[in-house]
Amino acid sequence: MLVVLRGNSGSGKSAVARAVRERVERVALVQQDVVRRHVLGEGDVAGGVNIGLLEAMARYALSHRYAVILEGILNAARYGDMLRRLALDHPAAFFYLDVSFEETARRHGTRPEAAKFTVEAMRRWYRTRALLGYPVERIIPESSSLTATADLLPAALVV
C-alpha cells in the first residue's frame, strides 16, 4: 500500500511519517526533501530528476512488499502526473495536511531545519490548500495533533 502525505513546509509531514514508521513494520519512508536536497542536491524545478527517482524508489519498495509513505510538499503542477501514475498502479491513500501559514511558521521555529531557511522563504513557497484534484486527498486540519494524525495512517497502509 502507498500512502502519500502532502502539505506545505512546516506542516508536520516528516514528523507524522516518522511516527507512523515507528508503529508499523516494513514501511519504506520516501522523503522528497531527502531525495531532492541531500541525495541529488537539486532545487525544486519542473522536470527535476528527483521526480523520477521518487517514483522509482516508491515502486521498488512496493514491488518488494513494503508499505510506502511518500511525503513532501510534492507541488501538484510538478509532481501530479507521477503521483497519479503511482495511484493507478498501486492501492493508495492520499492525505493533505491543511495547516495555515502562521502555524507552519510557528512549527518551523521548533525544528532543526529552522536555521536552514527563513520564514520569509516559507512565505514564498506557501500555497493555500494546493490539492491535487485527482487522486482525492483526505484533508487533515491543523487542529489534528501529531498523535491523532499518525493514528490515521496505519489503517491506510493495510491493503
Protein backbone atom coordinates (compact mmCIF):
# COMPACT_ATOMS: atom_id res chain seq x y z
CA MET A 1 0.00 0.00 0.00
CA LEU A 2 1.13 3.51 -0.79
CA VAL A 3 0.36 6.49 1.41
CA VAL A 4 1.11 9.94 0.03
CA LEU A 5 1.39 12.67 2.64
CA ARG A 6 1.47 16.21 1.25
CA GLY A 7 1.40 19.71 2.71
CA ASN A 8 3.33 22.93 2.97
CA SER A 9 6.76 23.28 4.52
CA GLY A 10 6.46 23.04 8.29
CA SER A 11 3.05 21.35 8.23
CA GLY A 12 4.30 18.23 10.02
CA LYS A 13 4.65 15.72 7.18
CA SER A 14 8.02 14.34 8.23
CA ALA A 15 7.07 14.11 11.89
CA VAL A 16 3.86 12.22 11.05
CA ALA A 17 5.68 9.88 8.66
CA ARG A 18 8.35 9.08 11.26
CA ALA A 19 5.70 8.47 13.93
CA VAL A 20 3.87 6.02 11.67
CA ARG A 21 7.07 4.25 10.73
CA GLU A 22 7.78 3.63 14.44
CA ARG A 23 4.41 1.88 14.75
CA VAL A 24 4.25 -0.17 11.57
CA GLU A 25 6.69 -2.82 10.30
CA ARG A 26 8.01 -2.87 6.73
CA VAL A 27 7.37 0.74 5.91
CA ALA A 28 9.66 2.47 3.45
CA LEU A 29 9.81 6.20 4.05
CA VAL A 30 10.44 8.09 0.80
CA GLN A 31 11.01 11.77 1.58
CA GLN A 32 11.03 14.39 -1.16
CA ASP A 33 13.40 16.70 0.73
CA VAL A 34 15.93 13.94 1.39
CA VAL A 35 15.97 12.79 -2.22
CA ARG A 36 15.89 16.25 -3.77
CA ARG A 37 18.25 18.15 -1.49
CA HIS A 38 20.52 15.54 0.09
CA VAL A 39 20.76 12.74 -2.48
CA LEU A 40 20.68 14.85 -5.65
CA GLY A 41 21.43 18.40 -4.46
CA GLU A 42 18.65 19.56 -6.73
CA GLY A 43 16.27 22.51 -6.49
CA ASP A 44 12.52 22.01 -6.76
CA VAL A 45 12.21 22.56 -10.51
CA ALA A 46 9.85 21.40 -13.24
CA GLY A 47 11.16 18.19 -14.77
CA GLY A 48 13.60 17.62 -11.92
CA VAL A 49 15.44 14.32 -11.73
CA ASN A 50 14.07 13.81 -8.21
CA ILE A 51 10.56 13.22 -9.58
CA GLY A 52 11.57 10.06 -11.40
CA LEU A 53 13.79 8.91 -8.55
CA LEU A 54 10.97 9.30 -6.02
CA GLU A 55 8.68 7.28 -8.28
CA ALA A 56 11.32 4.58 -8.82
CA MET A 57 12.05 4.31 -5.10
CA ALA A 58 8.36 4.01 -4.24
CA ARG A 59 7.76 1.40 -6.95
CA TYR A 60 10.83 -0.62 -5.95
CA ALA A 61 9.80 -0.75 -2.29
CA LEU A 62 6.20 -1.61 -3.21
CA SER A 63 7.40 -4.40 -5.52
CA HIS A 64 9.26 -5.87 -2.54
CA ARG A 65 6.12 -5.84 -0.39
CA TYR A 66 6.94 -2.79 1.66
CA ALA A 67 4.26 -0.31 2.52
CA VAL A 68 5.44 3.12 1.37
CA ILE A 69 4.94 6.57 2.80
CA LEU A 70 5.86 9.14 0.17
CA GLU A 71 5.98 12.55 1.81
CA GLY A 72 6.77 16.08 0.75
CA ILE A 73 5.35 19.32 -0.50
CA LEU A 74 5.04 17.48 -3.83
CA ASN A 75 3.77 20.50 -5.77
CA ALA A 76 0.75 19.40 -7.82
CA ALA A 77 1.98 21.02 -11.05
CA ARG A 78 5.39 19.30 -10.87
CA TYR A 79 4.61 16.00 -9.15
CA GLY A 80 0.93 15.42 -10.00
CA ASP A 81 1.50 13.20 -13.05
CA MET A 82 3.92 10.98 -11.15
CA LEU A 83 1.53 10.68 -8.20
CA ARG A 84 -1.37 9.80 -10.49
CA ARG A 85 0.72 7.07 -12.18
CA LEU A 86 1.52 5.56 -8.80
CA ALA A 87 -2.15 5.71 -7.77
CA LEU A 88 -3.22 3.94 -10.96
CA ASP A 89 -0.74 1.11 -10.43
CA HIS A 90 -0.93 0.58 -6.66
CA PRO A 91 -3.50 0.71 -3.86
CA ALA A 92 -3.02 4.22 -2.49
CA ALA A 93 -4.34 6.71 0.04
CA PHE A 94 -3.61 10.42 -0.22
CA PHE A 95 -3.55 12.86 2.70
CA TYR A 96 -3.06 16.62 2.74
CA LEU A 97 -2.01 18.44 5.92
CA ASP A 98 -4.00 21.67 5.75
CA VAL A 99 -2.06 23.99 8.03
CA SER A 100 -2.20 27.79 7.99
CA PHE A 101 0.90 29.80 7.19
CA GLU A 102 1.00 31.19 10.72
CA GLU A 103 1.04 27.68 12.19
CA THR A 104 3.67 26.38 9.74
CA ALA A 105 5.88 29.35 10.66
CA ARG A 106 5.41 28.60 14.37
CA ARG A 107 6.21 24.91 13.87
CA HIS A 108 9.24 25.77 11.74
CA GLY A 109 10.80 27.52 14.72
CA THR A 110 10.71 24.27 16.71
CA ARG A 111 12.59 22.06 14.25
CA PRO A 112 16.25 21.53 13.36
CA GLU A 113 15.72 22.89 9.82
CA ALA A 114 14.86 26.32 11.24
CA ALA A 115 18.39 27.58 10.63
CA LYS A 116 18.45 26.33 7.03
CA PHE A 117 15.75 28.64 5.64
CA THR A 118 13.76 31.61 6.81
CA VAL A 119 10.09 32.20 7.48
CA GLU A 120 10.21 34.69 4.59
CA ALA A 121 11.31 31.89 2.25
CA MET A 122 8.49 29.71 3.58
CA ARG A 123 6.03 32.51 2.82
CA ARG A 124 7.14 32.48 -0.83
CA TRP A 125 6.67 28.70 -1.04
CA TYR A 126 3.36 28.58 0.82
CA ARG A 127 0.25 27.58 -1.15
CA THR A 128 -3.20 27.58 0.42
CA ARG A 129 -4.84 24.16 0.02
CA ALA A 130 -2.83 23.15 -3.02
CA LEU A 131 -4.78 19.94 -3.63
CA LEU A 132 -4.19 17.51 -6.48
CA GLY A 133 -7.82 17.17 -7.51
CA TYR A 134 -7.23 13.55 -8.52
CA PRO A 135 -6.48 11.41 -6.69
CA VAL A 136 -8.69 12.85 -3.99
CA GLU A 137 -6.82 13.68 -0.80
CA ARG A 138 -8.18 13.34 2.70
CA ILE A 139 -7.69 16.73 4.31
CA ILE A 140 -6.23 16.74 7.80
CA PRO A 141 -6.78 20.05 9.62
CA GLU A 142 -4.12 21.80 11.67
CA SER A 143 -6.17 21.07 14.79
CA SER A 144 -5.27 17.37 14.44
CA SER A 145 -2.44 16.53 16.83
CA LEU A 146 0.65 14.62 15.76
CA THR A 147 -0.65 11.54 17.58
CA ALA A 148 -4.15 11.79 16.11
CA THR A 149 -2.77 12.30 12.62
CA ALA A 150 -0.30 9.44 12.95
CA ASP A 151 -3.19 7.23 14.16
CA LEU A 152 -4.98 7.73 10.82
CA LEU A 153 -2.25 6.43 8.55
CA PRO A 154 -1.55 2.84 9.69
CA ALA A 155 -5.04 1.69 8.65
CA ALA A 156 -4.39 3.16 5.20
CA LEU A 157 -1.18 1.09 4.92
CA VAL A 158 -3.10 -2.18 5.17
CA VAL A 159 -4.50 -3.40 1.85
